[in-house]
Amino acid sequence: RSVTGGLVYRGQAIPPLVGRYLFGDFASGRIWTIPAEAVPVTPHELLLETDLNPSAFGEDANGEVYLLDLGGGVYRLMAAQ
């Protein structure tokens, strides 16, 4: 409904995401991923369903990804345990 642009994952904590572009939907809270170098563009894959309103993505010096919520929260993406 309302795509929030993301970034390419370059961290080490979640190896399956390395080189994948992450983006979200502000309205549904869903986070998707596609290969960053996909030509032609491939179908996106659902990564997470959240109760958040993703308003931005960021990364730290190690390439780990953070999701910012319109309500003021900052969340680091982590591998499922």
PDB file of N, CA and C in Angstrom:
ATOM      1  N   ARG A   1       0.816  -1.199   0.000  1.00  0.00           N
ATOM      2  CA  ARG A   1       0.000   0.000   0.000  1.00  0.00           C
ATOM      3  C   ARG A   1       0.859   1.262   0.000  1.00  0.00           C
ATOM      4  N   SER A   2       1.919   1.239   0.823  1.00  0.00           N
ATOM      5  CA  SER A   2       2.815   2.382   0.907  1.00  0.00           C
ATOM      6  C   SER A   2       4.228   1.859   1.124  1.00  0.00           C
ATOM      7  N   VAL A   3       4.996   1.756   0.055  1.00  0.00           N
ATOM      8  CA  VAL A   3       6.320   1.154   0.133  1.00  0.00           C
ATOM      9  C   VAL A   3       7.313   2.091   0.807  1.00  0.00           C
ATOM     10  N   THR A   4       8.037   1.541   1.785  1.00  0.00           N
ATOM     11  CA  THR A   4       9.136   2.246   2.438  1.00  0.00           C
ATOM     12  C   THR A   4      10.414   1.644   1.894  1.00  0.00           C
ATOM     13  N   GLY A   5      11.168   2.454   1.160  1.00  0.00           N
ATOM     14  CA  GLY A   5      12.405   1.969   0.570  1.00  0.00           C
ATOM     15  C   GLY A   5      13.389   1.559   1.636  1.00  0.00           C
ATOM     16  N   GLY A   6      14.212   0.599   1.326  1.00  0.00           N
ATOM     17  CA  GLY A   6      15.134   0.057   2.303  1.00  0.00           C
ATOM     18  C   GLY A   6      16.570   0.156   1.860  1.00  0.00           C
ATOM     19  N   LEU A   7      17.288  -0.957   2.045  1.00  0.00           N
ATOM     20  CA  LEU A   7      18.702  -0.993   1.716  1.00  0.00           C
ATOM     21  C   LEU A   7      19.157  -2.416   1.488  1.00  0.00           C
ATOM     22  N   VAL A   8      20.374  -2.554   0.990  1.00  0.00           N
ATOM     23  CA  VAL A   8      20.955  -3.867   0.753  1.00  0.00           C
ATOM     24  C   VAL A   8      21.645  -4.315   2.040  1.00  0.00           C
ATOM     25  N   TYR A   9      21.347  -5.546   2.464  1.00  0.00           N
ATOM     26  CA  TYR A   9      21.943  -6.074   3.686  1.00  0.00           C
ATOM     27  C   TYR A   9      23.394  -6.450   3.427  1.00  0.00           C
ATOM     28  N   ARG A  10      24.294  -5.924   4.269  1.00  0.00           N
ATOM     29  CA  ARG A  10      25.724  -6.188   4.135  1.00  0.00           C
ATOM     30  C   ARG A  10      26.335  -6.661   5.456  1.00  0.00           C
ATOM     31  N   GLY A  11      25.474  -7.026   6.397  1.00  0.00           N
ATOM     32  CA  GLY A  11      25.952  -7.476   7.706  1.00  0.00           C
ATOM     33  C   GLY A  11      26.416  -8.917   7.694  1.00  0.00           C
ATOM     34  N   GLN A  12      26.667  -9.448   8.914  1.00  0.00           N
ATOM     35  CA  GLN A  12      27.128 -10.822   9.057  1.00  0.00           C
ATOM     36  C   GLN A  12      26.208 -11.651   9.940  1.00  0.00           C
ATOM     37  N   ALA A  13      25.308 -11.017  10.667  1.00  0.00           N
ATOM     38  CA  ALA A  13      24.454 -11.720  11.622  1.00  0.00           C
ATOM     39  C   ALA A  13      23.399 -12.606  10.952  1.00  0.00           C
ATOM     40  N   ILE A  14      23.015 -12.271   9.718  1.00  0.00           N
ATOM     41  CA  ILE A  14      21.974 -13.033   9.011  1.00  0.00           C
ATOM     42  C   ILE A  14      22.494 -13.374   7.609  1.00  0.00           C
ATOM     43  N   PRO A  15      23.363 -14.382   7.498  1.00  0.00           N
ATOM     44  CA  PRO A  15      23.993 -14.707   6.207  1.00  0.00           C
ATOM     45  C   PRO A  15      23.038 -14.868   5.027  1.00  0.00           C
ATOM     46  N   PRO A  16      21.850 -15.469   5.176  1.00  0.00           N
ATOM     47  CA  PRO A  16      20.981 -15.611   4.001  1.00  0.00           C
ATOM     48  C   PRO A  16      20.510 -14.281   3.401  1.00  0.00           C
ATOM     49  N   LEU A  17      20.643 -13.189   4.144  1.00  0.00           N
ATOM     50  CA  LEU A  17      20.196 -11.888   3.632  1.00  0.00           C
ATOM     51  C   LEU A  17      21.295 -11.088   2.938  1.00  0.00           C
ATOM     52  N   VAL A  18      22.535 -11.542   3.029  1.00  0.00           N
ATOM     53  CA  VAL A  18      23.642 -10.786   2.435  1.00  0.00           C
ATOM     54  C   VAL A  18      23.379 -10.583   0.940  1.00  0.00           C
ATOM     55  N   GLY A  19      23.459  -9.314   0.506  1.00  0.00           N
ATOM     56  CA  GLY A  19      23.255  -8.977  -0.899  1.00  0.00           C
ATOM     57  C   GLY A  19      21.796  -8.865  -1.315  1.00  0.00           C
ATOM     58  N   ARG A  20      20.893  -8.890  -0.351  1.00  0.00           N
ATOM     59  CA  ARG A  20      19.461  -8.772  -0.672  1.00  0.00           C
ATOM     60  C   ARG A  20      18.966  -7.385  -0.261  1.00  0.00           C
ATOM     61  N   TYR A  21      18.086  -6.827  -1.086  1.00  0.00           N
ATOM     62  CA  TYR A  21      17.477  -5.532  -0.805  1.00  0.00           C
ATOM     63  C   TYR A  21      16.250  -5.754   0.084  1.00  0.00           C
ATOM     64  N   LEU A  22      16.175  -5.026   1.196  1.00  0.00           N
ATOM     65  CA  LEU A  22      15.060  -5.108   2.131  1.00  0.00           C
ATOM     66  C   LEU A  22      14.201  -3.865   1.991  1.00  0.00           C
ATOM     67  N   PHE A  23      12.895  -4.049   1.991  1.00  0.00           N
ATOM     68  CA  PHE A  23      11.970  -2.921   1.941  1.00  0.00           C
ATOM     69  C   PHE A  23      10.689  -3.304   2.661  1.00  0.00           C
ATOM     70  N   GLY A  24       9.871  -2.320   2.982  1.00  0.00           N
ATOM     71  CA  GLY A  24       8.678  -2.607   3.769  1.00  0.00           C
ATOM     72  C   GLY A  24       7.440  -1.898   3.264  1.00  0.00           C
ATOM     73  N   ASP A  25       6.323  -2.228   3.891  1.00  0.00           N
ATOM     74  CA  ASP A  25       5.031  -1.606   3.613  1.00  0.00           C
ATOM     75  C   ASP A  25       4.583  -0.902   4.892  1.00  0.00           C
ATOM     76  N   PHE A  26       4.525   0.411   4.840  1.00  0.00           N
ATOM     77  CA  PHE A  26       4.143   1.223   5.990  1.00  0.00           C
ATOM     78  C   PHE A  26       2.775   0.821   6.533  1.00  0.00           C
ATOM     79  N   ALA A  27       1.830   0.517   5.663  1.00  0.00           N
ATOM     80  CA  ALA A  27       0.452   0.234   6.086  1.00  0.00           C
ATOM     81  C   ALA A  27       0.288  -1.160   6.692  1.00  0.00           C
ATOM     82  N   SER A  28       0.907  -2.171   6.095  1.00  0.00           N
ATOM     83  CA  SER A  28       0.702  -3.548   6.571  1.00  0.00           C
ATOM     84  C   SER A  28       1.745  -3.996   7.585  1.00  0.00           C
ATOM     85  N   GLY A  29       2.902  -3.338   7.626  1.00  0.00           N
ATOM     86  CA  GLY A  29       3.980  -3.752   8.518  1.00  0.00           C
ATOM     87  C   GLY A  29       4.833  -4.873   7.966  1.00  0.00           C
ATOM     88  N   ARG A  30       4.551  -5.316   6.751  1.00  0.00           N
ATOM     89  CA  ARG A  30       5.313  -6.412   6.159  1.00  0.00           C
ATOM     90  C   ARG A  30       6.672  -5.924   5.644  1.00  0.00           C
ATOM     91  N   ILE A  31       7.667  -6.814   5.763  1.00  0.00           N
ATOM     92  CA  ILE A  31       9.011  -6.540   5.260  1.00  0.00           C
ATOM     93  C   ILE A  31       9.319  -7.602   4.213  1.00  0.00           C
ATOM     94  N   TRP A  32       9.782  -7.145   3.039  1.00  0.00           N
ATOM     95  CA  TRP A  32      10.098  -8.045   1.938  1.00  0.00           C
ATOM     96  C   TRP A  32      11.565  -7.931   1.558  1.00  0.00           C
ATOM     97  N   THR A  33      11.998  -8.857   0.719  1.00  0.00           N
ATOM     98  CA  THR A  33      13.366  -8.864   0.233  1.00  0.00           C
ATOM     99  C   THR A  33      13.400  -9.355  -1.222  1.00  0.00           C
ATOM    100  N   ILE A  34      14.362  -8.833  -1.965  1.00  0.00           N
ATOM    101  CA  ILE A  34      14.658  -9.313  -3.317  1.00  0.00           C
ATOM    102  C   ILE A  34      16.175  -9.306  -3.480  1.00  0.00           C
ATOM    103  N   PRO A  35      16.708 -10.125  -4.383  1.00  0.00           N
ATOM    104  CA  PRO A  35      18.151 -10.043  -4.640  1.00  0.00           C
ATOM    105  C   PRO A  35      18.485  -8.652  -5.185  1.00  0.00           C
ATOM    106  N   ALA A  36      19.508  -8.035  -4.640  1.00  0.00           N
ATOM    107  CA  ALA A  36      19.863  -6.670  -5.053  1.00  0.00           C
ATOM    108  C   ALA A  36      20.305  -6.600  -6.506  1.00  0.00           C
ATOM    109  N   GLU A  37      20.908  -7.642  -7.006  1.00  0.00           N
ATOM    110  CA  GLU A  37      21.439  -7.647  -8.372  1.00  0.00           C
ATOM    111  C   GLU A  37      20.525  -8.358  -9.358  1.00  0.00           C
ATOM    112  N   ALA A  38      19.278  -8.566  -9.006  1.00  0.00           N
ATOM    113  CA  ALA A  38      18.367  -9.321  -9.860  1.00  0.00           C
ATOM    114  C   ALA A  38      18.029  -8.558 -11.139  1.00  0.00           C
ATOM    115  N   VAL A  39      18.371  -9.157 -12.272  1.00  0.00           N
ATOM    116  CA  VAL A  39      18.019  -8.607 -13.577  1.00  0.00           C
ATOM    117  C   VAL A  39      17.583  -9.770 -14.441  1.00  0.00           C
ATOM    118  N   PRO A  40      16.374  -9.844 -14.896  1.00  0.00           N
ATOM    119  CA  PRO A  40      15.306  -8.900 -14.551  1.00  0.00           C
ATOM    120  C   PRO A  40      14.889  -9.067 -13.097  1.00  0.00           C
ATOM    121  N   VAL A  41      14.135  -8.105 -12.621  1.00  0.00           N
ATOM    122  CA  VAL A  41      13.680  -8.136 -11.232  1.00  0.00           C
ATOM    123  C   VAL A  41      12.894  -9.414 -10.975  1.00  0.00           C
ATOM    124  N   THR A  42      13.200 -10.070  -9.872  1.00  0.00           N
ATOM    125  CA  THR A  42      12.523 -11.311  -9.508  1.00  0.00           C
ATOM    126  C   THR A  42      11.407 -11.016  -8.510  1.00  0.00           C
ATOM    127  N   PRO A  43      10.483 -11.936  -8.329  1.00  0.00           N
ATOM    128  CA  PRO A  43       9.417 -11.718  -7.349  1.00  0.00           C
ATOM    129  C   PRO A  43       9.989 -11.519  -5.947  1.00  0.00           C
ATOM    130  N   HIS A  44       9.361 -10.658  -5.196  1.00  0.00           N
ATOM    131  CA  HIS A  44       9.809 -10.406  -3.825  1.00  0.00           C
ATOM    132  C   HIS A  44       9.386 -11.544  -2.901  1.00  0.00           C
ATOM    133  N   GLU A  45      10.124 -11.698  -1.793  1.00  0.00           N
ATOM    134  CA  GLU A  45       9.841 -12.728  -0.807  1.00  0.00           C
ATOM    135  C   GLU A  45       9.508 -12.068   0.519  1.00  0.00           C
ATOM    136  N   LEU A  46       8.448 -12.528   1.164  1.00  0.00           N
ATOM    137  CA  LEU A  46       8.073 -12.001   2.473  1.00  0.00           C
ATOM    138  C   LEU A  46       9.103 -12.446   3.494  1.00  0.00           C
ATOM    139  N   LEU A  47       9.656 -11.490   4.243  1.00  0.00           N
ATOM    140  CA  LEU A  47      10.633 -11.786   5.280  1.00  0.00           C
ATOM    141  C   LEU A  47       9.986 -11.775   6.655  1.00  0.00           C
ATOM    142  N   LEU A  48       9.188 -10.734   6.940  1.00  0.00           N
ATOM    143  CA  LEU A  48       8.567 -10.571   8.252  1.00  0.00           C
ATOM    144  C   LEU A  48       7.182  -9.979   8.137  1.00  0.00           C
ATOM    145  N   GLU A  49       6.315 -10.353   9.066  1.00  0.00           N
ATOM    146  CA  GLU A  49       5.044  -9.666   9.256  1.00  0.00           C
ATOM    147  C   GLU A  49       5.113  -9.044  10.635  1.00  0.00           C
ATOM    148  N   THR A  50       4.934  -7.726  10.721  1.00  0.00           N
ATOM    149  CA  THR A  50       5.048  -7.027  11.997  1.00  0.00           C
ATOM    150  C   THR A  50       3.783  -6.211  12.270  1.00  0.00           C
ATOM    151  N   ASP A  51       3.688  -5.704  13.483  1.00  0.00           N
ATOM    152  CA  ASP A  51       2.618  -4.781  13.852  1.00  0.00           C
ATOM    153  C   ASP A  51       3.107  -3.342  13.781  1.00  0.00           C
ATOM    154  N   LEU A  52       4.236  -3.123  13.134  1.00  0.00           N
ATOM    155  CA  LEU A  52       4.863  -1.801  13.065  1.00  0.00           C
ATOM    156  C   LEU A  52       4.412  -1.039  11.832  1.00  0.00           C
ATOM    157  N   ASN A  53       4.740   0.239  11.813  1.00  0.00           N
ATOM    158  CA  ASN A  53       4.578   1.091  10.630  1.00  0.00           C
ATOM    159  C   ASN A  53       5.982   1.506  10.198  1.00  0.00           C
ATOM    160  N   PRO A  54       6.653   0.674   9.375  1.00  0.00           N
ATOM    161  CA  PRO A  54       8.030   0.972   8.978  1.00  0.00           C
ATOM    162  C   PRO A  54       8.118   2.298   8.236  1.00  0.00           C
ATOM    163  N   SER A  55       8.894   3.223   8.814  1.00  0.00           N
ATOM    164  CA  SER A  55       9.024   4.537   8.186  1.00  0.00           C
ATOM    165  C   SER A  55      10.405   4.762   7.582  1.00  0.00           C
ATOM    166  N   ALA A  56      11.394   3.954   7.981  1.00  0.00           N
ATOM    167  CA  ALA A  56      12.739   4.081   7.419  1.00  0.00           C
ATOM    168  C   ALA A  56      13.567   2.860   7.803  1.00  0.00           C
ATOM    169  N   PHE A  57      14.644   2.663   7.053  1.00  0.00           N
ATOM    170  CA  PHE A  57      15.626   1.632   7.353  1.00  0.00           C
ATOM    171  C   PHE A  57      16.963   2.323   7.545  1.00  0.00           C
ATOM    172  N   GLY A  58      17.830   1.726   8.333  1.00  0.00           N
ATOM    173  CA  GLY A  58      19.170   2.254   8.530  1.00  0.00           C
ATOM    174  C   GLY A  58      20.123   1.104   8.765  1.00  0.00           C
ATOM    175  N   GLU A  59      21.422   1.416   8.760  1.00  0.00           N
ATOM    176  CA  GLU A  59      22.402   0.384   9.047  1.00  0.00           C
ATOM    177  C   GLU A  59      23.519   0.957   9.895  1.00  0.00           C
ATOM    178  N   ASP A  60      24.161   0.075  10.675  1.00  0.00           N
ATOM    179  CA  ASP A  60      25.274   0.514  11.501  1.00  0.00           C
ATOM    180  C   ASP A  60      26.587   0.289  10.751  1.00  0.00           C
ATOM    181  N   ALA A  61      27.705   0.560  11.413  1.00  0.00           N
ATOM    182  CA  ALA A  61      29.021   0.447  10.784  1.00  0.00           C
ATOM    183  C   ALA A  61      29.347  -0.978  10.353  1.00  0.00           C
ATOM    184  N   ASN A  62      28.662  -1.975  10.935  1.00  0.00           N
ATOM    185  CA  ASN A  62      28.897  -3.375  10.591  1.00  0.00           C
ATOM    186  C   ASN A  62      27.934  -3.884   9.524  1.00  0.00           C
ATOM    187  N   GLY A  63      27.073  -3.014   9.002  1.00  0.00           N
ATOM    188  CA  GLY A  63      26.126  -3.403   7.967  1.00  0.00           C
ATOM    189  C   GLY A  63      24.865  -4.055   8.489  1.00  0.00           C
ATOM    190  N   GLU A  64      24.673  -4.058   9.820  1.00  0.00           N
ATOM    191  CA  GLU A  64      23.450  -4.626  10.389  1.00  0.00           C
ATOM    192  C   GLU A  64      22.306  -3.634  10.199  1.00  0.00           C
ATOM    193  N   VAL A  65      21.111  -4.151   9.965  1.00  0.00           N
ATOM    194  CA  VAL A  65      19.962  -3.334   9.572  1.00  0.00           C
ATOM    195  C   VAL A  65      19.067  -3.013  10.757  1.00  0.00           C
ATOM    196  N   TYR A  66      18.578  -1.781  10.757  1.00  0.00           N
ATOM    197  CA  TYR A  66      17.629  -1.298  11.759  1.00  0.00           C
ATOM    198  C   TYR A  66      16.381  -0.814  11.049  1.00  0.00           C
ATOM    199  N   LEU A  67      15.251  -1.071  11.666  1.00  0.00           N
ATOM    200  CA  LEU A  67      13.956  -0.645  11.150  1.00  0.00           C
ATOM    201  C   LEU A  67      13.413   0.427  12.085  1.00  0.00           C
ATOM    202  N   LEU A  68      13.001   1.552  11.540  1.00  0.00           N
ATOM    203  CA  LEU A  68      12.414   2.623  12.337  1.00  0.00           C
ATOM    204  C   LEU A  68      10.910   2.592  12.166  1.00  0.00           C
ATOM    205  N   ASP A  69      10.207   2.692  13.290  1.00  0.00           N
ATOM    206  CA  ASP A  69       8.754   2.668  13.315  1.00  0.00           C
ATOM    207  C   ASP A  69       8.239   4.084  13.524  1.00  0.00           C
ATOM    208  N   LEU A  70       7.144   4.419  12.868  1.00  0.00           N
ATOM    209  CA  LEU A  70       6.569   5.759  13.003  1.00  0.00           C
ATOM    210  C   LEU A  70       6.273   6.102  14.457  1.00  0.00           C
ATOM    211  N   GLY A  71       5.978   5.093  15.287  1.00  0.00           N
ATOM    212  CA  GLY A  71       5.691   5.320  16.702  1.00  0.00           C
ATOM    213  C   GLY A  71       6.913   5.645  17.534  1.00  0.00           C
ATOM    214  N   GLY A  72       8.102   5.667  16.938  1.00  0.00           N
ATOM    215  CA  GLY A  72       9.315   6.048  17.654  1.00  0.00           C
ATOM    216  C   GLY A  72      10.259   4.906  17.958  1.00  0.00           C
ATOM    217  N   GLY A  73       9.878   3.683  17.649  1.00  0.00           N
ATOM    218  CA  GLY A  73      10.743   2.542  17.942  1.00  0.00           C
ATOM    219  C   GLY A  73      11.849   2.365  16.926  1.00  0.00           C
ATOM    220  N   VAL A  74      12.975   1.835  17.401  1.00  0.00           N
ATOM    221  CA  VAL A  74      14.103   1.471  16.548  1.00  0.00           C
ATOM    222  C   VAL A  74      14.371  -0.008  16.830  1.00  0.00           C
ATOM    223  N   TYR A  75      14.333  -0.839  15.780  1.00  0.00           N
ATOM    224  CA  TYR A  75      14.440  -2.285  15.925  1.00  0.00           C
ATOM    225  C   TYR A  75      15.561  -2.823  15.050  1.00  0.00           C
ATOM    226  N   ARG A  76      16.429  -3.640  15.634  1.00  0.00           N
ATOM    227  CA  ARG A  76      17.501  -4.276  14.858  1.00  0.00           C
ATOM    228  C   ARG A  76      16.981  -5.611  14.339  1.00  0.00           C
ATOM    229  N   LEU A  77      17.223  -5.873  13.039  1.00  0.00           N
ATOM    230  CA  LEU A  77      16.872  -7.162  12.472  1.00  0.00           C
ATOM    231  C   LEU A  77      17.859  -8.203  12.977  1.00  0.00           C
ATOM    232  N   MET A  78      17.323  -9.328  13.435  1.00  0.00           N
ATOM    233  CA  MET A  78      18.156 -10.403  13.960  1.00  0.00           C
ATOM    234  C   MET A  78      17.676 -11.724  13.382  1.00  0.00           C
ATOM    235  N   ALA A  79      18.556 -12.696  13.361  1.00  0.00           N
ATOM    236  CA  ALA A  79      18.193 -14.033  12.882  1.00  0.00           C
ATOM    237  C   ALA A  79      17.215 -14.660  13.863  1.00  0.00           C
ATOM    238  N   ALA A  80      16.299 -15.458  13.339  1.00  0.00           N
ATOM    239  CA  ALA A  80      15.353 -16.183  14.192  1.00  0.00           C
ATOM    240  C   ALA A  80      16.112 -17.175  15.060  1.00  0.00           C
ATOM    241  N   GLN A  81      15.629 -17.332  16.260  1.00  0.00           N
ATOM    242  CA  GLN A  81      16.318 -18.250  17.184  1.00  0.00           C
ATOM    243  C   GLN A  81      15.509 -19.470  17.458  1.00  0.00           C
TER     244      GLN A  81
END
